[in-house]
Protein backbone atom coordinates (compact mmCIF):
# COMPACT_ATOMS: atom_id res chain seq x y z
CA MET A 1 22.60 353.57 123.85
CA SER A 2 20.75 356.85 123.04
CA GLU A 3 18.30 357.65 120.25
CA ALA A 4 20.51 360.79 119.20
CA GLN A 5 23.52 358.58 118.77
CA ASP A 6 21.28 356.07 116.46
CA LYS A 7 20.02 358.99 114.18
CA THR A 8 24.34 359.74 114.54
CA ASP A 9 25.76 356.91 113.48
CA GLU A 10 23.79 353.33 112.99
CA LEU A 11 26.82 351.54 113.09
CA ALA A 12 27.80 352.17 116.60
CA GLY A 13 28.23 349.32 118.73
CA THR A 14 28.47 346.90 116.24
CA GLU A 15 32.17 346.52 115.82
CA GLN A 16 33.42 342.79 116.14
CA PRO A 17 36.23 341.11 117.39
CA PHE A 18 38.94 340.45 115.18
CA VAL A 19 38.86 337.08 115.48
CA GLN A 20 35.46 337.61 114.43
CA HIS A 21 36.25 338.69 110.93
CA LEU A 22 38.80 335.83 110.58
CA ILE A 23 36.10 333.21 111.16
CA GLU A 24 33.54 334.81 109.02
CA LEU A 25 36.61 335.45 106.33
CA ARG A 26 37.26 331.66 106.73
CA ASP A 27 33.47 330.61 106.40
CA ARG A 28 32.87 333.36 102.82
CA LEU A 29 36.22 331.53 101.43
CA VAL A 30 34.33 328.09 102.30
CA TYR A 31 31.27 329.27 100.62
CA ILE A 32 33.03 330.80 97.41
CA MET A 33 35.33 327.29 97.21
CA ALA A 34 31.90 325.31 97.06
CA GLY A 35 30.23 327.56 94.79
CA ILE A 36 32.84 327.04 92.22
CA GLY A 37 33.50 323.30 92.92
CA ALA A 38 29.31 323.11 92.36
CA CYS A 39 29.75 325.08 89.14
CA MET A 40 33.04 322.96 87.86
CA VAL A 41 31.06 319.67 88.46
CA ALA A 42 27.73 321.04 86.53
CA LEU A 43 30.09 321.61 83.72
CA ALA A 44 31.90 318.82 83.99
CA ILE A 45 28.81 317.07 83.68
CA TRP A 46 27.77 319.06 80.68
CA PRO A 47 29.15 320.20 78.40
CA GLY A 48 32.21 318.36 79.81
CA PRO A 49 36.04 319.42 79.77
CA SER A 50 36.01 318.46 75.81
CA GLY A 51 33.40 320.35 75.08
CA LEU A 52 34.58 323.81 76.33
CA ILE A 53 37.62 323.15 74.72
CA ASP A 54 35.85 322.68 71.44
CA LEU A 55 33.81 325.92 72.48
CA ILE A 56 36.97 328.24 72.92
CA ALA A 57 38.72 326.51 70.11
CA VAL A 58 35.84 327.66 67.24
CA PRO A 59 37.50 331.20 66.31
CA ILE A 60 40.89 329.75 65.79
CA ARG A 61 39.56 326.62 63.92
CA ALA A 62 37.66 328.78 61.64
CA HIS A 63 40.85 330.29 60.00
CA MET A 64 42.40 326.83 60.06
CA PRO A 65 42.10 324.25 57.15
CA PRO A 66 39.30 321.69 58.02
CA ASP A 67 41.85 318.98 58.20
CA VAL A 68 44.12 320.53 60.79
CA LYS A 69 43.46 320.59 64.60
CA LEU A 70 45.36 321.88 67.35
CA ILE A 71 48.34 320.21 68.52
CA ALA A 72 49.10 319.45 72.28
CA VAL A 73 53.44 319.10 72.76
CA GLY A 74 53.35 318.59 76.22
CA VAL A 75 53.23 315.36 77.41
CA PHE A 76 50.33 315.72 80.22
CA THR A 77 48.95 318.58 78.48
CA PRO A 78 45.72 316.68 77.48
CA PHE A 79 44.84 316.57 80.81
CA PHE A 80 45.87 319.65 82.54
CA VAL A 81 45.03 322.12 79.86
CA PRO A 82 41.09 320.59 79.76
CA LEU A 83 41.51 320.98 83.87
CA LYS A 84 42.80 324.58 83.46
CA VAL A 85 39.57 325.31 81.22
CA LEU A 86 37.23 323.85 83.30
CA MET A 87 38.37 325.69 86.78
CA MET A 88 38.49 328.92 84.87
CA ALA A 89 34.71 328.20 83.17
CA GLY A 90 33.42 327.14 86.97
CA LEU A 91 35.00 330.69 88.26
CA LEU A 92 32.92 332.51 85.46
CA LEU A 93 29.47 330.44 85.95
CA ALA A 94 30.24 331.03 89.69
CA LEU A 95 31.29 335.05 89.50
CA PRO A 96 27.77 336.21 90.75
CA TRP A 97 28.14 334.02 93.68
CA VAL A 98 31.79 334.75 94.23
CA MET A 99 30.64 338.59 94.57
CA TYR A 100 27.57 338.05 96.46
CA GLN A 101 29.99 336.57 99.08
CA ILE A 102 32.15 339.26 98.85
CA TRP A 103 29.26 341.93 99.65
CA ALA A 104 28.25 339.62 102.53
CA PHE A 105 31.49 339.99 104.12
CA VAL A 106 31.72 343.59 103.94
CA ALA A 107 27.79 344.21 104.21
CA PRO A 108 27.98 344.62 108.46
CA GLY A 109 30.36 347.81 107.93
CA LEU A 110 27.74 349.37 105.34
CA TYR A 111 25.23 351.69 106.28
CA SER A 112 21.43 351.20 104.89
CA HIS A 113 21.68 353.25 101.89
CA GLU A 114 24.97 352.03 100.51
CA LYS A 115 23.96 348.53 101.08
CA ARG A 116 20.88 349.43 98.70
CA PHE A 117 23.42 350.10 95.84
CA ALA A 118 25.72 347.19 96.83
CA LEU A 119 23.78 344.62 94.87
CA PRO A 120 22.78 346.18 92.03
CA LEU A 121 26.94 346.85 91.50
CA ILE A 122 27.32 343.21 91.61
CA ILE A 123 24.64 342.38 89.28
CA PHE A 124 25.93 345.00 86.99
CA GLY A 125 29.54 344.40 87.42
CA SER A 126 28.58 340.36 86.81
CA LEU A 127 26.87 341.32 84.02
CA LEU A 128 29.85 343.86 82.25
CA ALA A 129 32.38 340.74 82.80
CA TYR A 130 30.24 338.77 80.88
CA THR A 131 29.79 341.05 78.28
CA GLY A 132 33.62 341.88 78.04
CA ILE A 133 34.50 337.83 77.93
CA ALA A 134 31.58 337.24 75.08
CA PHE A 135 33.04 340.60 73.42
CA VAL A 136 36.42 338.54 73.10
CA GLN A 137 34.68 335.09 72.17
CA PHE A 138 32.50 336.22 69.75
CA PHE A 139 34.51 339.06 68.01
CA VAL A 140 37.92 339.72 69.07
CA LEU A 141 39.22 336.05 68.81
CA ASP A 142 37.78 336.18 65.35
CA LYS A 143 39.06 339.23 64.06
CA MET A 144 42.44 338.35 65.80
CA PHE A 145 42.62 335.49 64.05
CA GLY A 146 41.98 336.09 60.75
CA PHE A 147 44.29 338.91 61.19
CA ILE A 148 47.48 336.85 61.94
CA GLN A 149 46.31 333.83 59.89
CA GLY A 150 46.55 336.06 56.95
CA PHE A 151 49.99 336.51 57.35
CA THR A 152 50.71 332.44 57.05
CA PRO A 153 52.89 332.03 53.81
CA ASP A 154 51.23 329.09 52.15
CA SER A 155 54.84 326.91 52.11
CA VAL A 156 53.66 326.95 56.43
CA ASN A 157 51.10 324.75 58.03
CA ALA A 158 49.88 326.61 60.80
CA THR A 159 49.10 324.44 63.77
CA PRO A 160 49.03 326.42 67.07
CA ASP A 161 49.85 324.31 70.45
CA ILE A 162 46.31 324.23 72.53
CA ALA A 163 48.36 325.25 75.73
CA SER A 164 49.30 328.20 74.44
CA TYR A 165 46.03 329.01 72.78
CA VAL A 166 44.30 328.54 75.74
CA GLU A 167 47.19 330.62 77.70
CA ALA A 168 46.54 333.45 75.29
CA ILE A 169 42.70 333.71 75.07
CA LEU A 170 42.60 333.04 79.36
CA SER A 171 44.61 336.22 79.66
CA LEU A 172 42.53 338.16 77.28
CA TYR A 173 39.05 337.21 78.86
CA LEU A 174 40.86 338.04 82.16
CA ALA A 175 41.89 341.32 80.52
CA PHE A 176 38.56 342.36 78.68
CA GLY A 177 36.67 341.29 81.83
CA LEU A 178 38.56 343.58 84.36
CA ALA A 179 38.55 346.41 81.70
CA PHE A 180 35.09 346.28 81.35
CA GLN A 181 34.46 347.17 85.13
CA VAL A 182 35.38 350.59 84.31
CA PRO A 183 32.09 352.42 84.99
CA ILE A 184 32.14 350.67 88.37
CA VAL A 185 35.57 351.73 89.51
CA VAL A 186 34.35 355.62 87.77
CA MET A 187 31.22 355.34 89.98
CA LEU A 188 33.07 353.98 93.18
CA LEU A 189 35.82 356.75 93.10
CA VAL A 190 32.96 359.64 92.85
CA ARG A 191 30.67 358.09 95.53
CA PHE A 192 33.51 357.65 98.01
CA GLY A 193 34.68 361.57 97.17
CA MET A 194 38.07 360.64 95.85
CA VAL A 195 37.11 362.39 92.62
CA THR A 196 34.50 364.51 90.97
CA PRO A 197 32.34 363.67 87.58
CA GLU A 198 34.20 367.60 86.06
CA GLN A 199 37.60 366.09 87.34
CA LEU A 200 36.90 362.73 85.30
CA LYS A 201 35.54 364.80 82.39
CA SER A 202 38.79 367.08 82.16
CA PHE A 203 40.90 363.48 82.45
CA ARG A 204 39.59 362.59 79.49
CA GLY A 205 41.99 363.03 77.23
CA TYR A 206 44.34 361.53 79.48
CA PHE A 207 42.52 358.17 80.14
CA VAL A 208 42.41 357.82 76.32
CA VAL A 209 46.15 357.55 76.56
CA VAL A 210 46.31 355.26 79.03
CA ALA A 211 43.45 352.77 77.81
CA PHE A 212 45.68 352.50 74.77
CA ILE A 213 48.83 351.54 76.77
CA ILE A 214 46.80 349.33 78.90
CA SER A 215 45.46 347.68 75.61
CA ALA A 216 49.23 347.33 74.05
CA VAL A 217 50.39 345.90 77.19
CA VAL A 218 47.87 343.03 77.80
CA THR A 219 46.73 342.25 74.08
CA PRO A 220 48.62 340.61 71.42
CA PRO A 221 50.49 342.73 69.08
CA ASP A 222 47.70 343.31 66.61
CA VAL A 223 45.96 346.26 66.01
CA ILE A 224 42.38 344.68 65.76
CA SER A 225 42.67 343.34 69.72
CA GLN A 226 44.30 346.55 70.84
CA LEU A 227 41.45 348.75 69.47
CA ALA A 228 39.27 346.30 70.57
CA LEU A 229 40.22 346.88 74.29
CA ALA A 230 40.78 350.84 74.03
CA ILE A 231 37.78 351.91 72.35
CA PRO A 232 35.25 349.83 74.43
CA MET A 233 37.68 351.05 77.59
CA CYS A 234 36.77 354.80 76.15
CA ILE A 235 33.00 354.39 75.51
CA LEU A 236 32.96 352.63 79.23
CA TYR A 237 34.58 355.74 80.78
CA GLU A 238 32.15 358.38 79.27
CA LEU A 239 29.28 355.75 80.94
CA GLY A 240 30.53 355.44 83.98
CA ILE A 241 30.90 359.52 84.20
CA VAL A 242 27.24 359.82 83.41
CA GLY A 243 26.39 356.85 86.04
CA SER A 244 28.63 358.57 88.67
CA ARG A 245 26.31 361.55 89.01
CA TRP A 246 23.06 359.63 89.41
CA PHE A 247 24.96 356.93 91.54
CA ALA A 248 26.55 359.93 93.66
CA GLN A 249 23.46 361.84 94.39
CA ASN A 250 21.06 358.53 95.34
CA ALA A 251 24.12 356.98 97.43
CA LYS A 252 23.68 359.63 99.99
CA PRO A 253 22.34 359.06 103.33
CA PRO A 254 18.81 360.30 103.45
CA GLU A 255 20.25 363.21 106.06
CA ALA A 256 22.68 364.71 103.36
CA SER A 257 19.93 364.62 100.90
CA ASP A 258 18.16 366.67 102.91
CA GLU A 259 20.42 369.21 103.72
CA ALA A 260 21.05 369.29 99.69
């Protein structure tokens, strides 16, 4: 390989057979499952499935009478619900490890100037996901259940089912965790030349409408949770526009930066 070719494309000649890609994918999936399993074992030791259930039940218990508890209607609910919560908690705890394994799988196909920004994006994306989930746990759920419980008549004793409660809040965790990735998506779209920051600015009004439509679909039918999702999405969209300018400029190949 000539020196000129090396300067033209540093990835030239590094292609691997398709079978090798499958083996690498298998290994990364094994690492991901091992990481999630290790986190599940650690969480099973402390705080334990019961401790996790108690933690996620804090928002709704705060709006229930002290002597009222969540109920388990199904026969196998006391076993499967804590297991589901333990699996989700293990996945969340192992999220940086999962994203690192995804990066390690695609890293051989990235240029050196692109690899420099991959790990910061993984860290930033993980922090955004954790921020979205914490926002749900410590703000959205409290306000949402306070709003909902306020409509409960005095003659009705509200005793929610633990299975439906866990399913509802896990869906909110997922929705907010994904919605808080808006800056990452915006920066990548600009980086790969699919849109420009100017186009994103002109699309701002449409995105506000899209954000409120998404929040109305993925959140419960109450105004508080819908606003709690739509407003941060709009703010994060603006943050993504600001960050995309810097990211697109600094993630260019050295040759492109010199020509610019």
